[in-house]
Amino acid sequence: MDTSLTRLTLLLLALAVAVLFAAMVAFATAVLSRLDGARPVACVERGAVTFLATLTVCVATLSLMVTAL
């Protein structure tokens, strides 16, 4: 397997893991805010903000790792 193809495959796999991780964190945030008594619309908003923040941190970390390699 070509080295660039291997790096691309690993990068896509890492991005998929980052998206799944961000989705799990967002879901947990939405559930916890609903248990706290927030309205459903506010829960979705908090989940969305958390998803984007987590994904931003994960992608920034991945970009640092890619540039280091």
C-alpha atoms as a PDB file:
ATOM      1  CA  MET A   1       0.000   0.000   0.000  1.00  0.00           C
ATOM      2  CA  ASP A   2       1.259   3.443  -0.904  1.00  0.00           C
ATOM      3  CA  THR A   3       2.351   5.658   1.986  1.00  0.00           C
ATOM      4  CA  SER A   4       0.149   8.581   0.963  1.00  0.00           C
ATOM      5  CA  LEU A   5      -2.854   6.263   0.652  1.00  0.00           C
ATOM      6  CA  THR A   6      -2.143   4.878   4.107  1.00  0.00           C
ATOM      7  CA  ARG A   7      -1.912   8.371   5.591  1.00  0.00           C
ATOM      8  CA  LEU A   8      -5.153   9.379   3.874  1.00  0.00           C
ATOM      9  CA  THR A   9      -6.928   6.309   5.178  1.00  0.00           C
ATOM     10  CA  LEU A  10      -5.719   6.911   8.714  1.00  0.00           C
ATOM     11  CA  LEU A  11      -6.712  10.566   8.521  1.00  0.00           C
ATOM     12  CA  LEU A  12     -10.232   9.688   7.347  1.00  0.00           C
ATOM     13  CA  LEU A  13     -10.534   7.118  10.105  1.00  0.00           C
ATOM     14  CA  ALA A  14      -9.390   9.659  12.690  1.00  0.00           C
ATOM     15  CA  LEU A  15     -11.920  12.192  11.373  1.00  0.00           C
ATOM     16  CA  ALA A  16     -14.694   9.611  11.612  1.00  0.00           C
ATOM     17  CA  VAL A  17     -13.715   8.846  15.203  1.00  0.00           C
ATOM     18  CA  ALA A  18     -13.666  12.584  15.991  1.00  0.00           C
ATOM     19  CA  VAL A  19     -17.171  13.042  14.586  1.00  0.00           C
ATOM     20  CA  LEU A  20     -18.499  10.065  16.542  1.00  0.00           C
ATOM     21  CA  PHE A  21     -16.843  11.295  19.729  1.00  0.00           C
ATOM     22  CA  ALA A  22     -18.304  14.774  19.251  1.00  0.00           C
ATOM     23  CA  ALA A  23     -21.752  13.296  18.642  1.00  0.00           C
ATOM     24  CA  MET A  24     -21.577  11.242  21.835  1.00  0.00           C
ATOM     25  CA  VAL A  25     -20.487  14.263  23.873  1.00  0.00           C
ATOM     26  CA  ALA A  26     -23.277  16.370  22.356  1.00  0.00           C
ATOM     27  CA  PHE A  27     -25.871  13.704  23.110  1.00  0.00           C
ATOM     28  CA  ALA A  28     -24.677  13.451  26.706  1.00  0.00           C
ATOM     29  CA  THR A  29     -24.854  17.237  27.045  1.00  0.00           C
ATOM     30  CA  ALA A  30     -28.402  17.315  25.690  1.00  0.00           C
ATOM     31  CA  VAL A  31     -29.532  14.531  28.016  1.00  0.00           C
ATOM     32  CA  LEU A  32     -27.921  16.094  31.061  1.00  0.00           C
ATOM     33  CA  SER A  33     -29.413  19.489  30.322  1.00  0.00           C
ATOM     34  CA  ARG A  34     -32.841  17.881  29.880  1.00  0.00           C
ATOM     35  CA  LEU A  35     -32.455  16.152  33.238  1.00  0.00           C
ATOM     36  CA  ASP A  36     -31.598  19.546  34.678  1.00  0.00           C
ATOM     37  CA  GLY A  37     -34.990  20.827  33.543  1.00  0.00           C
ATOM     38  CA  ALA A  38     -34.170  22.762  30.393  1.00  0.00           C
ATOM     39  CA  ARG A  39     -36.677  23.008  27.565  1.00  0.00           C
ATOM     40  CA  PRO A  40     -36.155  20.618  24.619  1.00  0.00           C
ATOM     41  CA  VAL A  41     -35.188  23.452  22.279  1.00  0.00           C
ATOM     42  CA  ALA A  42     -32.521  24.612  24.705  1.00  0.00           C
ATOM     43  CA  CYS A  43     -31.255  21.037  25.010  1.00  0.00           C
ATOM     44  CA  VAL A  44     -30.827  20.759  21.248  1.00  0.00           C
ATOM     45  CA  GLU A  45     -29.059  24.113  21.164  1.00  0.00           C
ATOM     46  CA  ARG A  46     -26.662  23.122  23.943  1.00  0.00           C
ATOM     47  CA  GLY A  47     -25.989  19.818  22.224  1.00  0.00           C
ATOM     48  CA  ALA A  48     -25.255  21.535  18.920  1.00  0.00           C
ATOM     49  CA  VAL A  49     -22.887  24.033  20.517  1.00  0.00           C
ATOM     50  CA  THR A  50     -21.106  21.234  22.349  1.00  0.00           C
ATOM     51  CA  PHE A  51     -20.859  19.177  19.148  1.00  0.00           C
ATOM     52  CA  LEU A  52     -19.230  22.026  17.253  1.00  0.00           C
ATOM     53  CA  ALA A  53     -16.865  22.903  20.089  1.00  0.00           C
ATOM     54  CA  THR A  54     -15.756  19.296  20.536  1.00  0.00           C
ATOM     55  CA  LEU A  55     -15.325  18.798  16.812  1.00  0.00           C
ATOM     56  CA  THR A  56     -13.258  21.981  16.579  1.00  0.00           C
ATOM     57  CA  VAL A  57     -10.908  20.809  19.302  1.00  0.00           C
ATOM     58  CA  CYS A  58     -10.603  17.335  17.746  1.00  0.00           C
ATOM     59  CA  VAL A  59      -9.889  18.684  14.266  1.00  0.00           C
ATOM     60  CA  ALA A  60      -7.337  21.156  15.631  1.00  0.00           C
ATOM     61  CA  THR A  61      -5.582  18.319  17.434  1.00  0.00           C
ATOM     62  CA  LEU A  62      -5.635  16.181  14.285  1.00  0.00           C
ATOM     63  CA  SER A  63      -4.203  19.009  12.206  1.00  0.00           C
ATOM     64  CA  LEU A  64      -1.347  19.411  14.652  1.00  0.00           C
ATOM     65  CA  MET A  65      -0.666  15.686  14.463  1.00  0.00           C
ATOM     66  CA  VAL A  66      -0.720  15.710  10.655  1.00  0.00           C
ATOM     67  CA  THR A  67       1.671  18.635  10.406  1.00  0.00           C
ATOM     68  CA  ALA A  68       4.016  16.943  12.871  1.00  0.00           C
ATOM     69  CA  LEU A  69       4.168  13.864  10.666  1.00  0.00           C
END
